[in-house]
C-alpha cells in the first residue's frame, strides 16, 4: 500500500481532447475537486482521437512533471498498454473514462461503454419489442477504434437482438462537427425513410437542424449514447428523444478522489464509476444537471496549484 504523503501531491491528467462539452464537464469536475483536495493538477489534451503519438508525448511530459500519479483518458482501448504497465511500476497509472486493455494498472474511473450502447438499444427495444412493426436505425457512434465506440456498438447490437429494430447502417467518424455533418447528410440521403438516427453527442446536436430541414413527411428521431449541453437542451425542447448520462462531472471528482486516496495510503476500488442515467422528456427535468454538465460559462482549466 502507498505511504502517507506530507508534501503537496502532483497529479497529471491526459485527455483525448477538450473539443466538446463531454470532456469539458470531466475537466470541471476534476479541477474543482483538485482545488478542494489542495493538490497540484496538470491537464494535457491530445487534440483528437487520431493523435496517438501526441498522447504518448504528453504521458512523457507527465513524467517530466514528476507526477505522483497519471490519469489517462486513452485514445484507443489498446493504447500503449505495455508501456503503461512498465511506467506503472514506478509511477501509478489510473484509467480515466475510456477503457484500457492494460490490466496491470492501479485502478480506473469510468462506466462501461458497452452498457452505454446497451442502454440506448434497450430503450428502443422496449418501444419496439420483437414481433411489433419493424423500424430502422442508423448508428453513428464516433471514431471506429477509439473513445469506446467498439464497446458501445457491441452493447447496442446485443440489446437489439430481441426487438423489431433493424440496424441498417453504421457510419464511423471523428466526434467533430465537419465529420459528423458529412455522415449525417450522407446517411439521410441514403436512407430517406429511416426511423431513428442514433450515435455520439456531436452527431445528435448537429442532427437537430439537419432533420428539421428535411422536406420528406417522415423525419427520424434522434438519440445519443452519451450526454452534452446541446443534447440536454435538445431533449428538453423535444428535438432529441433520449440520451445516456454517465455523470461526467461526478466522474471527474471520483477520479481525483481515487488517486488521492491511493497516494495517501487508503484502499481504493479497482473499477469505479457512477450510475448511467437514461434521460428523456419523462425525467429530464428531475435529474441533477450539476452531476453531469459543467456550468455554461466554464472554460477549460489546464492547471490547479503549482504545476511548474
Protein backbone atom coordinates (compact mmCIF):
# COMPACT_ATOMS: atom_id res chain seq x y z
CA UNK A 1 0.00 0.00 0.00
CA UNK A 2 1.15 3.54 -0.78
CA UNK A 3 2.65 5.57 2.06
CA UNK A 4 1.04 8.70 3.51
CA UNK A 5 2.49 11.73 1.72
CA UNK A 6 3.06 15.02 3.52
CA UNK A 7 4.12 17.19 0.54
CA UNK A 8 1.56 18.54 -1.90
CA UNK A 9 0.56 15.82 -4.37
CA UNK A 10 1.34 16.29 -8.05
CA UNK A 11 -1.19 14.65 -10.39
CA UNK A 12 -1.22 14.71 -14.19
CA UNK A 13 -4.27 14.02 -16.38
CA UNK A 14 -4.18 13.31 -20.12
CA UNK A 15 -7.41 13.70 -22.14
CA UNK A 16 -8.09 12.67 -25.76
CA UNK A 17 -9.30 16.25 -26.43
CA UNK A 18 -11.27 19.16 -24.98
CA UNK A 19 -13.31 19.86 -28.10
CA UNK A 20 -16.75 19.03 -26.75
CA UNK A 21 -18.73 19.55 -23.60
CA UNK A 22 -18.36 15.91 -22.51
CA UNK A 23 -14.65 16.28 -21.70
CA UNK A 24 -15.20 19.87 -20.59
CA UNK A 25 -17.55 18.53 -17.91
CA UNK A 26 -14.96 15.91 -16.86
CA UNK A 27 -12.44 18.76 -16.64
CA UNK A 28 -14.77 20.84 -14.49
CA UNK A 29 -15.30 18.01 -12.01
CA UNK A 30 -11.59 17.16 -11.83
CA UNK A 31 -10.28 20.69 -11.41
CA UNK A 32 -12.88 21.60 -8.80
CA UNK A 33 -12.06 18.51 -6.79
CA UNK A 34 -8.31 19.13 -7.15
CA UNK A 35 -8.86 22.56 -5.58
CA UNK A 36 -10.87 21.02 -2.73
CA UNK A 37 -8.17 18.40 -2.12
CA UNK A 38 -5.42 21.06 -2.35
CA UNK A 39 -3.33 19.11 -4.87
CA UNK A 40 -1.34 20.20 -7.91
CA UNK A 41 -3.09 19.06 -11.11
CA UNK A 42 -1.70 19.38 -14.63
CA UNK A 43 -4.08 18.70 -17.55
CA UNK A 44 -2.92 17.90 -21.08
CA UNK A 45 -5.11 17.11 -24.10
CA UNK A 46 -4.12 15.32 -27.28
CA UNK A 47 -6.30 17.23 -29.73
CA UNK A 48 -8.38 14.31 -31.01
CA UNK A 49 -8.74 10.56 -31.36
CA UNK A 50 -6.33 10.41 -34.31
CA UNK A 51 -3.40 11.84 -32.30
CA UNK A 52 -1.95 8.67 -30.81
CA UNK A 53 1.67 9.90 -30.89
CA UNK A 54 0.70 13.20 -29.27
CA UNK A 55 -0.89 11.35 -26.36
CA UNK A 56 2.25 9.34 -25.76
CA UNK A 57 4.35 12.55 -25.77
CA UNK A 58 2.01 14.00 -23.17
CA UNK A 59 2.41 10.95 -20.95
CA UNK A 60 6.16 11.57 -21.16
CA UNK A 61 5.55 15.22 -20.17
CA UNK A 62 3.71 13.95 -17.10
CA UNK A 63 6.84 12.00 -16.14
CA UNK A 64 8.95 15.14 -16.65
CA UNK A 65 6.46 16.95 -14.42
CA UNK A 66 7.41 14.34 -11.78
CA UNK A 67 3.77 13.44 -11.28
CA UNK A 68 2.97 11.25 -8.29
CA UNK A 69 0.23 9.67 -10.44
CA UNK A 70 -1.09 9.91 -14.00
CA UNK A 71 -4.73 9.73 -15.11
CA UNK A 72 -5.13 8.65 -18.74
CA UNK A 73 -8.24 9.12 -20.85
CA UNK A 74 -6.99 6.80 -23.57
CA UNK A 75 -7.43 7.44 -27.28
CA UNK A 76 -7.67 3.72 -28.05
CA UNK A 77 -8.57 0.68 -25.98
CA UNK A 78 -5.19 -0.88 -26.82
CA UNK A 79 -3.33 2.41 -26.29
CA UNK A 80 0.32 1.87 -25.35
CA UNK A 81 -0.72 -0.87 -22.93
CA UNK A 82 2.71 -2.49 -22.44
CA UNK A 83 4.42 0.86 -21.99
CA UNK A 84 1.78 1.95 -19.48
CA UNK A 85 2.25 -1.20 -17.45
CA UNK A 86 6.01 -0.54 -17.37
CA UNK A 87 5.53 3.08 -16.28
CA UNK A 88 3.07 1.91 -13.63
CA UNK A 89 5.90 0.06 -11.90
CA UNK A 90 7.32 3.46 -10.88
CA UNK A 91 4.50 5.99 -11.37
CA UNK A 92 0.93 4.90 -10.58
CA UNK A 93 -1.30 4.91 -13.67
CA UNK A 94 -5.10 5.31 -13.47
CA UNK A 95 -7.59 4.83 -16.28
CA UNK A 96 -9.97 7.75 -16.89
CA UNK A 97 -13.36 7.41 -18.66
CA UNK A 98 -12.19 5.37 -21.66
CA UNK A 99 -11.46 1.69 -21.05
CA UNK A 100 -7.92 0.33 -21.48
CA UNK A 101 -6.79 -3.19 -22.31
CA UNK A 102 -3.92 -2.87 -19.82
CA UNK A 103 -4.79 -4.74 -16.64
CA UNK A 104 -1.69 -4.07 -14.54
CA UNK A 105 -2.66 -0.52 -13.66
CA UNK A 106 -3.63 0.77 -10.22
CA UNK A 107 -7.33 1.46 -10.83
CA UNK A 108 -9.77 3.30 -13.09
CA UNK A 109 -12.79 5.60 -13.06
CA UNK A 110 -15.42 5.24 -15.74
CA UNK A 111 -18.51 3.40 -16.84
CA UNK A 112 -18.82 0.51 -19.29
CA UNK A 113 -19.19 1.92 -22.79
CA UNK A 114 -20.78 -1.39 -23.70
CA UNK A 115 -23.50 -0.54 -21.17
CA UNK A 116 -23.86 2.94 -22.66
CA UNK A 117 -24.64 1.38 -26.04
CA UNK A 118 -26.76 -1.34 -24.46
CA UNK A 119 -28.97 1.13 -22.58
CA UNK A 120 -29.69 3.07 -25.76
CA UNK A 121 -30.57 -0.17 -27.53
CA UNK A 122 -32.64 -1.32 -24.56
CA UNK A 123 -34.63 1.92 -24.70
CA UNK A 124 -35.52 1.27 -28.34
CA UNK A 125 -36.16 -2.44 -27.75
CA UNK A 126 -38.77 -1.59 -25.10
CA UNK A 127 -40.51 0.73 -27.58
CA UNK A 128 -40.30 -1.85 -30.37
CA UNK A 129 -40.36 -5.39 -28.93
CA UNK A 130 -39.86 -8.41 -31.15
CA UNK A 131 -42.97 -9.07 -33.21
CA UNK A 132 -44.05 -5.44 -33.40
CA UNK A 133 -43.91 -3.33 -36.57
CA UNK A 134 -40.30 -3.20 -37.87
CA UNK A 135 -38.37 0.08 -37.58
CA UNK A 136 -34.96 1.12 -38.90
CA UNK A 137 -31.94 2.62 -37.17
CA UNK A 138 -28.79 4.34 -38.43
CA UNK A 139 -25.88 4.26 -35.95
CA UNK A 140 -23.16 6.96 -35.98
CA UNK A 141 -21.17 6.19 -32.80
CA UNK A 142 -17.91 8.07 -33.42
CA UNK A 143 -14.35 7.03 -34.35
CA UNK A 144 -14.12 3.38 -35.40
CA UNK A 145 -11.49 2.27 -32.90
CA UNK A 146 -11.46 4.97 -30.22
CA UNK A 147 -13.49 6.53 -27.47
CA UNK A 148 -15.35 3.36 -26.50
CA UNK A 149 -17.01 3.06 -29.93
CA UNK A 150 -16.41 -0.71 -30.42
CA UNK A 151 -17.77 -1.47 -26.95
CA UNK A 152 -20.81 0.82 -27.36
CA UNK A 153 -21.60 -0.72 -30.74
CA UNK A 154 -21.46 -4.24 -29.36
CA UNK A 155 -23.71 -3.26 -26.45
CA UNK A 156 -26.24 -1.74 -28.83
CA UNK A 157 -26.31 -4.85 -31.05
CA UNK A 158 -26.81 -7.10 -28.01
CA UNK A 159 -29.74 -5.03 -26.74
CA UNK A 160 -31.47 -5.01 -30.13
CA UNK A 161 -31.47 -8.79 -30.56
CA UNK A 162 -34.94 -9.18 -29.07
CA UNK A 163 -36.54 -6.22 -30.81
CA UNK A 164 -38.07 -5.21 -34.13
CA UNK A 165 -35.35 -2.60 -34.67
CA UNK A 166 -33.19 -3.20 -37.74
CA UNK A 167 -29.72 -1.64 -37.70
CA UNK A 168 -29.39 -0.72 -41.38
CA UNK A 169 -26.08 1.16 -41.36
CA UNK A 170 -23.15 2.04 -39.10
CA UNK A 171 -21.10 5.09 -40.05
CA UNK A 172 -17.82 5.90 -38.26
CA UNK A 173 -16.13 9.27 -37.97
CA UNK A 174 -14.37 11.60 -35.55
CA UNK A 175 -16.54 13.34 -32.95
CA UNK A 176 -16.07 16.64 -34.76
CA UNK A 177 -18.64 18.83 -36.49
CA UNK A 178 -17.24 18.56 -40.02
CA UNK A 179 -17.02 14.77 -39.91
CA UNK A 180 -20.43 14.30 -38.31
CA UNK A 181 -22.12 16.81 -40.63
CA UNK A 182 -20.94 14.83 -43.66
CA UNK A 183 -22.01 11.49 -42.14
CA UNK A 184 -25.47 12.78 -41.16
CA UNK A 185 -26.19 14.16 -44.60
CA UNK A 186 -24.93 11.08 -46.41
CA UNK A 187 -26.96 8.83 -44.13
CA UNK A 188 -30.15 10.86 -44.60
CA UNK A 189 -29.60 10.80 -48.37
CA UNK A 190 -29.00 7.04 -48.48
CA UNK A 191 -31.81 6.20 -46.04
CA UNK A 192 -34.56 8.81 -46.56
CA UNK A 193 -37.14 6.77 -44.62
CA UNK A 194 -35.00 5.97 -41.56
CA UNK A 195 -36.92 5.88 -38.25
CA UNK A 196 -34.04 6.57 -35.84
CA UNK A 197 -30.69 8.34 -36.05
CA UNK A 198 -28.53 7.42 -33.05
CA UNK A 199 -24.91 7.83 -32.02
CA UNK A 200 -22.49 10.30 -30.48
CA UNK A 201 -23.46 13.59 -28.87
CA UNK A 202 -21.86 15.81 -31.55
CA UNK A 203 -23.90 13.98 -34.19
CA UNK A 204 -27.11 14.29 -32.15
CA UNK A 205 -26.63 18.03 -31.64
CA UNK A 206 -25.99 18.63 -35.35
CA UNK A 207 -28.76 16.29 -36.50
CA UNK A 208 -31.42 18.54 -34.92
CA UNK A 209 -31.17 21.19 -37.66
CA UNK A 210 -30.48 18.67 -40.44
CA UNK A 211 -33.59 16.66 -39.58
CA UNK A 212 -35.67 19.83 -39.21
CA UNK A 213 -34.65 20.86 -42.74
CA UNK A 214 -35.85 17.62 -44.33
CA UNK A 215 -38.70 18.09 -46.79
CA UNK A 216 -39.87 14.48 -46.51
CA UNK A 217 -43.03 13.89 -44.43
CA UNK A 218 -41.26 11.30 -42.27
CA UNK A 219 -38.41 12.54 -40.07
CA UNK A 220 -36.15 10.32 -37.95
CA UNK A 221 -35.98 10.66 -34.17
CA UNK A 222 -32.55 11.35 -32.66
CA UNK A 223 -30.80 9.56 -29.77
CA UNK A 224 -27.34 9.89 -28.22
CA UNK A 225 -25.45 7.23 -26.29
CA UNK A 226 -23.77 9.92 -24.18
CA UNK A 227 -24.55 13.40 -22.88
CA UNK A 228 -23.66 17.03 -23.55
CA UNK A 229 -25.05 20.52 -23.02
CA UNK A 230 -26.56 20.54 -26.52
CA UNK A 231 -28.11 17.11 -26.04
CA UNK A 232 -29.61 18.25 -22.73
CA UNK A 233 -31.22 21.25 -24.45
CA UNK A 234 -32.37 19.03 -27.32
CA UNK A 235 -34.21 16.63 -25.01
CA UNK A 236 -35.83 19.49 -23.09
CA UNK A 237 -37.06 21.03 -26.35
CA UNK A 238 -38.35 17.71 -27.66
CA UNK A 239 -35.80 17.65 -30.51
CA UNK A 240 -33.82 14.66 -29.16
CA UNK A 241 -35.67 11.58 -27.97
CA UNK A 242 -33.23 10.14 -25.45
CA UNK A 243 -29.62 10.09 -24.22
CA UNK A 244 -27.50 8.46 -21.55
CA UNK A 245 -25.53 10.44 -18.98
CA UNK A 246 -22.58 8.83 -17.23
CA UNK A 247 -22.47 11.83 -14.89
CA UNK A 248 -19.27 13.36 -16.22
CA UNK A 249 -18.77 15.99 -13.50
CA UNK A 250 -19.09 13.29 -10.84
CA UNK A 251 -16.63 11.10 -12.75
CA UNK A 252 -14.06 13.88 -12.68
CA UNK A 253 -14.49 14.24 -8.92
CA UNK A 254 -14.37 10.48 -8.35
CA UNK A 255 -11.14 10.18 -10.38
CA UNK A 256 -9.36 12.77 -8.24
CA UNK A 257 -10.64 11.18 -5.01
CA UNK A 258 -9.44 7.76 -6.16
CA UNK A 259 -5.91 9.00 -6.90
CA UNK A 260 -5.63 10.98 -3.67
CA UNK A 261 -6.93 8.07 -1.58
CA UNK A 262 -4.37 5.73 -3.14
CA UNK A 263 -1.44 8.13 -2.75
CA UNK A 264 -2.37 8.74 0.89
CA UNK A 265 -2.45 5.04 1.68
CA UNK A 266 -6.19 4.36 1.68
CA UNK A 267 -7.86 1.44 -0.05
CA UNK A 268 -9.42 2.10 -3.46
CA UNK A 269 -11.85 0.15 -5.61
CA UNK A 270 -10.16 -1.18 -8.77
CA UNK A 271 -13.00 -0.12 -11.11
CA UNK A 272 -15.36 2.66 -10.04
CA UNK A 273 -17.97 4.71 -11.82
CA UNK A 274 -21.30 6.46 -11.33
CA UNK A 275 -24.69 5.11 -12.36
CA UNK A 276 -25.63 5.51 -16.03
CA UNK A 277 -28.79 7.61 -16.30
CA UNK A 278 -31.11 7.18 -19.31
CA UNK A 279 -32.82 10.51 -19.88
CA UNK A 280 -35.81 11.56 -21.97
CA UNK A 281 -38.65 14.06 -21.61
CA UNK A 282 -40.17 11.98 -18.80
CA UNK A 283 -37.27 12.59 -16.41
CA UNK A 284 -35.03 15.31 -17.89
CA UNK A 285 -36.42 17.98 -15.56
CA UNK A 286 -35.99 15.86 -12.43
CA UNK A 287 -32.33 14.88 -12.51
CA UNK A 288 -29.31 16.64 -11.02
CA UNK A 289 -27.87 18.52 -14.01
CA UNK A 290 -24.80 19.55 -11.97
CA UNK A 291 -23.77 15.88 -11.69
CA UNK A 292 -23.26 15.75 -15.45
CA UNK A 293 -22.69 19.16 -17.04
CA UNK A 294 -20.22 21.95 -16.33
CA UNK A 295 -21.64 25.49 -15.89
CA UNK A 296 -22.37 27.16 -19.24
CA UNK A 297 -19.65 29.78 -18.71
CA UNK A 298 -16.91 27.32 -17.70
CA UNK A 299 -13.70 27.37 -19.76
CA UNK A 300 -11.14 24.54 -19.74
CA UNK A 301 -8.63 24.60 -16.88
CA UNK A 302 -5.20 23.15 -17.57
CA UNK A 303 -3.65 23.58 -14.15
CA UNK A 304 -4.54 23.74 -10.48
CA UNK A 305 -1.94 24.79 -7.92
CA UNK A 306 1.78 24.89 -8.73
CA UNK A 307 2.34 22.88 -11.92
CA UNK A 308 5.74 24.31 -12.92
